[in-house]
C-alpha atoms as a PDB file:
ATOM      1  CA  MET A   1      -5.448   2.716  24.466  1.00  0.00           C
ATOM      2  CA  ALA A   2      -4.243   0.783  21.423  1.00  0.00           C
ATOM      3  CA  SER A   3      -5.911  -2.467  20.496  1.00  0.00           C
ATOM      4  CA  PRO A   4      -3.765  -5.644  20.625  1.00  0.00           C
ATOM      5  CA  PHE A   5      -3.720  -5.737  16.812  1.00  0.00           C
ATOM      6  CA  SER A   6      -2.431  -2.179  16.416  1.00  0.00           C
ATOM      7  CA  PHE A   7       0.148  -2.792  19.135  1.00  0.00           C
ATOM      8  CA  ALA A   8       1.361  -5.904  17.285  1.00  0.00           C
ATOM      9  CA  CYS A   9       1.770  -3.818  14.130  1.00  0.00           C
ATOM     10  CA  TYR A  10       3.659  -1.207  16.130  1.00  0.00           C
ATOM     11  CA  LEU A  11       6.050  -3.846  17.434  1.00  0.00           C
ATOM     12  CA  SER A  12       6.606  -5.486  14.056  1.00  0.00           C
ATOM     13  CA  PHE A  13       7.441  -2.158  12.420  1.00  0.00           C
ATOM     14  CA  HIS A  14       9.638  -0.753  15.160  1.00  0.00           C
ATOM     15  CA  ARG A  15      12.731  -2.073  13.348  1.00  0.00           C
ATOM     16  CA  ALA A  16      11.402  -1.524   9.822  1.00  0.00           C
ATOM     17  CA  LEU A  17      11.183   2.231  10.267  1.00  0.00           C
ATOM     18  CA  GLY A  18      14.732   2.560  11.569  1.00  0.00           C
ATOM     19  CA  GLN A  19      15.137   6.248  10.731  1.00  0.00           C
ATOM     20  CA  ALA A  20      11.601   7.245  11.697  1.00  0.00           C
ATOM     21  CA  ASP A  21      10.902   9.129  14.870  1.00  0.00           C
ATOM     22  CA  ALA A  22       9.884   7.031  17.895  1.00  0.00           C
ATOM     23  CA  CYS A  23       6.974   9.419  18.443  1.00  0.00           C
ATOM     24  CA  LEU A  24       5.597   8.512  15.023  1.00  0.00           C
ATOM     25  CA  ARG A  25       5.725   4.802  15.855  1.00  0.00           C
ATOM     26  CA  LEU A  26       3.941   5.378  19.149  1.00  0.00           C
ATOM     27  CA  ALA A  27       1.387   7.671  17.516  1.00  0.00           C
ATOM     28  CA  PHE A  28       0.678   5.008  14.915  1.00  0.00           C
ATOM     29  CA  ALA A  29       0.095   2.393  17.601  1.00  0.00           C
ATOM     30  CA  ARG A  30      -2.229   4.708  19.498  1.00  0.00           C
ATOM     31  CA  HIS A  31      -4.208   5.998  16.531  1.00  0.00           C
ATOM     32  CA  LEU A  32      -4.657   2.987  14.273  1.00  0.00           C
ATOM     33  CA  GLN A  33      -8.332   2.264  13.855  1.00  0.00           C
ATOM     34  CA  HIS A  34      -9.566  -0.663  11.864  1.00  0.00           C
ATOM     35  CA  ALA A  35     -12.637  -2.424  10.663  1.00  0.00           C
ATOM     36  CA  LEU A  36     -11.342  -5.916  10.036  1.00  0.00           C
ATOM     37  CA  PRO A  37     -13.132  -8.747   8.271  1.00  0.00           C
ATOM     38  CA  MET A  38     -14.034 -12.018   9.876  1.00  0.00           C
ATOM     39  CA  GLU A  39     -13.301 -13.853   6.609  1.00  0.00           C
ATOM     40  CA  ARG A  40     -10.533 -13.435   4.056  1.00  0.00           C
ATOM     41  CA  HIS A  41     -12.822 -12.366   1.210  1.00  0.00           C
ATOM     42  CA  GLN A  42     -14.529  -9.437   2.924  1.00  0.00           C
ATOM     43  CA  PRO A  43     -13.408  -5.823   2.445  1.00  0.00           C
ATOM     44  CA  PHE A  44     -11.811  -4.012   5.336  1.00  0.00           C
ATOM     45  CA  LEU A  45     -10.484  -0.633   6.339  1.00  0.00           C
ATOM     46  CA  LEU A  46      -7.407   0.521   8.243  1.00  0.00           C
ATOM     47  CA  ARG A  47      -7.095   4.121   9.383  1.00  0.00           C
ATOM     48  CA  CYS A  48      -4.394   6.038  11.231  1.00  0.00           C
ATOM     49  CA  THR A  49      -3.634   9.624  12.190  1.00  0.00           C
ATOM     50  CA  HIS A  50      -0.578  11.606  13.170  1.00  0.00           C
ATOM     51  CA  GLY A  51      -1.147  15.280  13.887  1.00  0.00           C
ATOM     52  CA  ARG A  52      -3.057  16.758  10.949  1.00  0.00           C
ATOM     53  CA  LEU A  53      -2.251  13.744   8.780  1.00  0.00           C
ATOM     54  CA  ALA A  54      -4.866  11.000   8.472  1.00  0.00           C
ATOM     55  CA  LEU A  55      -4.585   8.046   6.090  1.00  0.00           C
ATOM     56  CA  GLU A  56      -7.060   5.316   5.193  1.00  0.00           C
ATOM     57  CA  LEU A  57      -6.336   2.054   3.433  1.00  0.00           C
ATOM     58  CA  ARG A  58      -9.331   0.116   2.118  1.00  0.00           C
ATOM     59  CA  LEU A  59      -8.776  -3.459   0.968  1.00  0.00           C
ATOM     60  CA  LEU A  60     -11.381  -4.917  -1.355  1.00  0.00           C
ATOM     61  CA  PRO A  61     -11.179  -8.514  -2.601  1.00  0.00           C
ATOM     62  CA  ALA A  62     -11.747  -9.160  -6.305  1.00  0.00           C
ATOM     63  CA  GLY A  63     -11.810 -12.948  -6.522  1.00  0.00           C
ATOM     64  CA  GLN A  64      -8.215 -13.968  -5.755  1.00  0.00           C
ATOM     65  CA  ASP A  65      -6.974 -10.439  -6.563  1.00  0.00           C
ATOM     66  CA  TRP A  66      -7.126  -7.261  -4.480  1.00  0.00           C
ATOM     67  CA  GLN A  67      -8.070  -3.614  -4.985  1.00  0.00           C
ATOM     68  CA  LEU A  68      -6.551  -1.180  -2.481  1.00  0.00           C
ATOM     69  CA  LEU A  69      -7.581   2.443  -2.005  1.00  0.00           C
ATOM     70  CA  LEU A  70      -5.094   4.666  -0.165  1.00  0.00           C
ATOM     71  CA  THR A  71      -6.434   8.115   0.726  1.00  0.00           C
ATOM     72  CA  GLY A  72      -5.653  11.062   2.941  1.00  0.00           C
ATOM     73  CA  GLY A  73      -6.530  14.746   3.068  1.00  0.00           C
ATOM     74  CA  ASP A  74      -8.368  16.200   0.058  1.00  0.00           C
ATOM     75  CA  ALA A  75     -10.119  13.467  -1.928  1.00  0.00           C
ATOM     76  CA  HIS A  76      -8.774  12.775  -5.429  1.00  0.00           C
ATOM     77  CA  ILE A  77      -7.041  10.096  -7.495  1.00  0.00           C
ATOM     78  CA  GLY A  78      -3.414  10.938  -8.218  1.00  0.00           C
ATOM     79  CA  ALA A  79      -2.040   7.551  -9.250  1.00  0.00           C
ATOM     80  CA  VAL A  80      -3.103   4.000 -10.009  1.00  0.00           C
ATOM     81  CA  ILE A  81      -0.659   1.093  -9.844  1.00  0.00           C
ATOM     82  CA  LEU A  82      -1.397  -2.369 -11.216  1.00  0.00           C
ATOM     83  CA  ALA A  83       0.985  -5.079 -10.023  1.00  0.00           C
ATOM     84  CA  GLU A  84       0.910  -8.621 -11.344  1.00  0.00           C
ATOM     85  CA  PRO A  85       3.118 -11.608 -10.681  1.00  0.00           C
ATOM     86  CA  GLY A  86       5.865 -11.658 -13.288  1.00  0.00           C
ATOM     87  CA  ASP A  87       8.438 -14.110 -14.522  1.00  0.00           C
ATOM     88  CA  GLY A  88      11.119 -11.427 -14.536  1.00  0.00           C
ATOM     89  CA  THR A  89      10.641 -10.550 -18.216  1.00  0.00           C
ATOM     90  CA  PRO A  90       9.578  -6.994 -18.972  1.00  0.00           C
ATOM     91  CA  PRO A  91       6.332  -6.211 -20.771  1.00  0.00           C
ATOM     92  CA  ASP A  92       6.383  -6.096 -24.592  1.00  0.00           C
ATOM     93  CA  ALA A  93       9.510  -4.064 -25.416  1.00  0.00           C
ATOM     94  CA  SER A  94       7.981  -2.106 -28.317  1.00  0.00           C
ATOM     95  CA  LYS A  95       5.113  -0.869 -26.151  1.00  0.00           C
ATOM     96  CA  ALA A  96       7.400  -0.211 -23.180  1.00  0.00           C
ATOM     97  CA  ALA A  97       9.815   1.839 -25.292  1.00  0.00           C
ATOM     98  CA  SER A  98       7.044   4.068 -26.632  1.00  0.00           C
ATOM     99  CA  ALA A  99       5.689   4.607 -23.119  1.00  0.00           C
ATOM    100  CA  GLY A 100       9.067   5.580 -21.646  1.00  0.00           C
ATOM    101  CA  SER A 101       9.396   2.268 -19.810  1.00  0.00           C
ATOM    102  CA  THR A 102      10.304   2.572 -16.162  1.00  0.00           C
ATOM    103  CA  ALA A 103       8.646   1.422 -12.976  1.00  0.00           C
ATOM    104  CA  ARG A 104       9.835   4.616 -11.284  1.00  0.00           C
ATOM    105  CA  PRO A 105       8.832   7.605 -13.435  1.00  0.00           C
ATOM    106  CA  ASP A 106      10.614  10.917 -12.914  1.00  0.00           C
ATOM    107  CA  ALA A 107       8.922  13.441 -10.654  1.00  0.00           C
ATOM    108  CA  THR A 108       7.462  15.704 -13.363  1.00  0.00           C
ATOM    109  CA  SER A 109       6.091  13.114 -15.791  1.00  0.00           C
ATOM    110  CA  ALA A 110       2.493  12.132 -16.218  1.00  0.00           C
ATOM    111  CA  GLY A 111       1.319   9.116 -18.120  1.00  0.00           C
ATOM    112  CA  ILE A 112       1.662   5.363 -18.115  1.00  0.00           C
ATOM    113  CA  PHE A 113       4.907   3.658 -17.168  1.00  0.00           C
ATOM    114  CA  SER A 114       5.679  -0.050 -16.993  1.00  0.00           C
ATOM    115  CA  GLY A 115       8.528  -2.129 -15.696  1.00  0.00           C
ATOM    116  CA  THR A 116       9.498  -5.100 -13.571  1.00  0.00           C
ATOM    117  CA  GLU A 117      10.718  -4.816  -9.993  1.00  0.00           C
ATOM    118  CA  ASP A 118      11.505  -7.726  -7.665  1.00  0.00           C
ATOM    119  CA  GLY A 119       9.746 -10.201  -9.977  1.00  0.00           C
ATOM    120  CA  VAL A 120       6.559  -8.127 -10.142  1.00  0.00           C
ATOM    121  CA  ARG A 121       5.280  -6.441 -13.312  1.00  0.00           C
ATOM    122  CA  LEU A 122       4.249  -2.898 -12.433  1.00  0.00           C
ATOM    123  CA  HIS A 123       2.067  -0.571 -14.482  1.00  0.00           C
ATOM    124  CA  VAL A 124       1.970   3.002 -13.169  1.00  0.00           C
ATOM    125  CA  LEU A 125      -0.642   5.560 -14.223  1.00  0.00           C
ATOM    126  CA  ARG A 126       0.119   8.977 -12.757  1.00  0.00           C
ATOM    127  CA  ARG A 127      -1.510  12.381 -13.123  1.00  0.00           C
ATOM    128  CA  ALA A 128       0.731  15.335 -13.938  1.00  0.00           C
ATOM    129  CA  GLY A 129       2.052  17.067 -10.843  1.00  0.00           C
ATOM    130  CA  HIS A 130       1.057  14.243  -8.513  1.00  0.00           C
ATOM    131  CA  HIS A 131       3.369  12.050  -6.451  1.00  0.00           C
ATOM    132  CA  ASP A 132       0.843   9.609  -4.989  1.00  0.00           C
ATOM    133  CA  ASP A 133       2.645   6.743  -6.730  1.00  0.00           C
ATOM    134  CA  GLU A 134       5.479   7.091  -4.198  1.00  0.00           C
ATOM    135  CA  ALA A 135       3.143   5.675  -1.540  1.00  0.00           C
ATOM    136  CA  ALA A 136       1.146   3.370  -3.840  1.00  0.00           C
ATOM    137  CA  LEU A 137       3.913   1.564  -5.742  1.00  0.00           C
ATOM    138  CA  PRO A 138       5.515  -0.156  -2.716  1.00  0.00           C
ATOM    139  CA  LEU A 139       2.063  -1.308  -1.534  1.00  0.00           C
ATOM    140  CA  ALA A 140       1.177  -2.758  -4.935  1.00  0.00           C
ATOM    141  CA  ARG A 141       4.543  -4.513  -5.281  1.00  0.00           C
ATOM    142  CA  ASP A 142       4.577  -5.904  -1.738  1.00  0.00           C
ATOM    143  CA  TYR A 143       0.966  -7.154  -1.794  1.00  0.00           C
ATOM    144  CA  CYS A 144       1.493  -8.778  -5.204  1.00  0.00           C
ATOM    145  CA  ARG A 145       4.646 -10.568  -4.022  1.00  0.00           C
ATOM    146  CA  ALA A 146       3.099 -11.662  -0.725  1.00  0.00           C
ATOM    147  CA  LEU A 147      -0.258 -12.808  -2.113  1.00  0.00           C
ATOM    148  CA  GLY A 148       0.832 -14.054  -5.537  1.00  0.00           C
ATOM    149  CA  ALA A 149      -2.133 -12.193  -7.023  1.00  0.00           C
ATOM    150  CA  ALA A 150      -2.834  -9.134  -9.130  1.00  0.00           C
ATOM    151  CA  VAL A 151      -3.161  -6.006  -6.992  1.00  0.00           C
ATOM    152  CA  CYS A 152      -4.437  -2.584  -8.040  1.00  0.00           C
ATOM    153  CA  VAL A 153      -3.717   0.384  -5.770  1.00  0.00           C
ATOM    154  CA  SER A 154      -5.496   3.703  -6.334  1.00  0.00           C
ATOM    155  CA  ALA A 155      -3.990   6.532  -4.306  1.00  0.00           C
ATOM    156  CA  GLY A 156      -4.949  10.103  -3.540  1.00  0.00           C
ATOM    157  CA  ILE A 157      -3.194  11.916  -0.693  1.00  0.00           C
ATOM    158  CA  HIS A 158      -3.147  15.724  -0.571  1.00  0.00           C
ATOM    159  CA  TYR A 159      -2.456  18.160   2.245  1.00  0.00           C
ATOM    160  CA  ASP A 160      -1.963  21.875   1.540  1.00  0.00           C
ATOM    161  CA  HIS A 161       1.483  23.255   2.355  1.00  0.00           C
ATOM    162  CA  ILE A 162       2.846  19.845   3.322  1.00  0.00           C
ATOM    163  CA  SER A 163       6.440  19.865   4.586  1.00  0.00           C
ATOM    164  CA  ARG A 164       9.170  17.387   3.611  1.00  0.00           C
ATOM    165  CA  GLU A 165       8.954  15.934   7.130  1.00  0.00           C
ATOM    166  CA  GLU A 166       5.188  15.432   6.760  1.00  0.00           C
ATOM    167  CA  ILE A 167       5.710  13.760   3.365  1.00  0.00           C
ATOM    168  CA  ASP A 168       8.133  11.333   5.018  1.00  0.00           C
ATOM    169  CA  THR A 169       5.539  10.719   7.741  1.00  0.00           C
ATOM    170  CA  VAL A 170       2.820  10.025   5.151  1.00  0.00           C
ATOM    171  CA  LEU A 171       5.081   7.532   3.351  1.00  0.00           C
ATOM    172  CA  ALA A 172       5.936   5.796   6.641  1.00  0.00           C
ATOM    173  CA  LEU A 173       2.269   5.625   7.668  1.00  0.00           C
ATOM    174  CA  ALA A 174       1.333   4.209   4.253  1.00  0.00           C
ATOM    175  CA  ARG A 175       3.991   1.488   4.633  1.00  0.00           C
ATOM    176  CA  MET A 176       2.765   0.631   8.117  1.00  0.00           C
ATOM    177  CA  LEU A 177      -0.899   0.537   7.088  1.00  0.00           C
ATOM    178  CA  GLY A 178      -0.011  -1.690   4.157  1.00  0.00           C
ATOM    179  CA  ALA A 179       2.008  -4.047   6.294  1.00  0.00           C
ATOM    180  CA  CYS A 180      -0.730  -4.265   8.941  1.00  0.00           C
ATOM    181  CA  GLY A 181      -3.238  -5.129   6.223  1.00  0.00           C
ATOM    182  CA  LEU A 182      -0.976  -7.889   4.906  1.00  0.00           C
ATOM    183  CA  ARG A 183      -0.456  -9.211   8.399  1.00  0.00           C
ATOM    184  CA  ARG A 184      -4.213  -9.408   8.887  1.00  0.00           C
ATOM    185  CA  LEU A 185      -4.678 -11.192   5.532  1.00  0.00           C
ATOM    186  CA  TRP A 186      -2.011 -13.737   6.487  1.00  0.00           C
ATOM    187  CA  ARG A 187      -3.776 -14.386   9.796  1.00  0.00           C
ATOM    188  CA  LEU A 188      -7.085 -14.900   8.011  1.00  0.00           C
ATOM    189  CA  GLN A 189      -5.404 -17.194   5.489  1.00  0.00           C
ATOM    190  CA  GLU A 190      -3.850 -19.219   8.332  1.00  0.00           C
ATOM    191  CA  ASN A 191      -7.265 -19.487   9.995  1.00  0.00           C
ATOM    192  CA  ASP A 192      -8.838 -20.639   6.697  1.00  0.00           C
ATOM    193  CA  HIS A 193      -6.099 -23.255   6.323  1.00  0.00           C
ATOM    194  CA  ALA A 194      -6.519 -24.458   9.921  1.00  0.00           C
ATOM    195  CA  ASP A 195     -10.310 -24.671   9.483  1.00  0.00           C
ATOM    196  CA  GLY A 196      -9.797 -26.724   6.304  1.00  0.00           C
ATOM    197  CA  GLU A 197      -7.553 -29.199   8.133  1.00  0.00           C
ATOM    198  CA  ARG A 198     -10.140 -29.666  10.894  1.00  0.00           C
ATOM    199  CA  SER A 199     -12.942 -30.567   8.479  1.00  0.00           C
END
């Protein structure tokens, strides 16, 4: 049986998935496992499974900033995304031009890419032939916007002979894990604020 926290995440993402299969949403609610902190500045882990697919999201505080590790399947690092609050201006244009500036690199490129998306400066480091940034970039951007802090996401997800449907499932699970982590951080932040008012 799902814990109340995983069920709350299931309910809050029922609409967000829209196109996703109802079975996936139910599977997520049933299979989310978590080791949650009691305080905001403790690391924690969220884990979910769907069929042969299993993802883990580790959240590690670094002062006011956050390091996230998104993994699944064979262990490796395929992409690293650094997101920092931005004022809407792109990074230094001369450096960006020489790096092929874009926050969304094309599918075959490896290297470092930079750009600004939704008021967040994004720096993408991707290994050749890897697509882990597709799951990591939205997490980095969303956490940075929500927390107003620098966020680094390292991602490595690999399953042999993965189908397009399974890739879509992995991306949906990554979004849900990320959103559940943010929800938990907001709750902890609210508790910290309430405790501060009582003292």
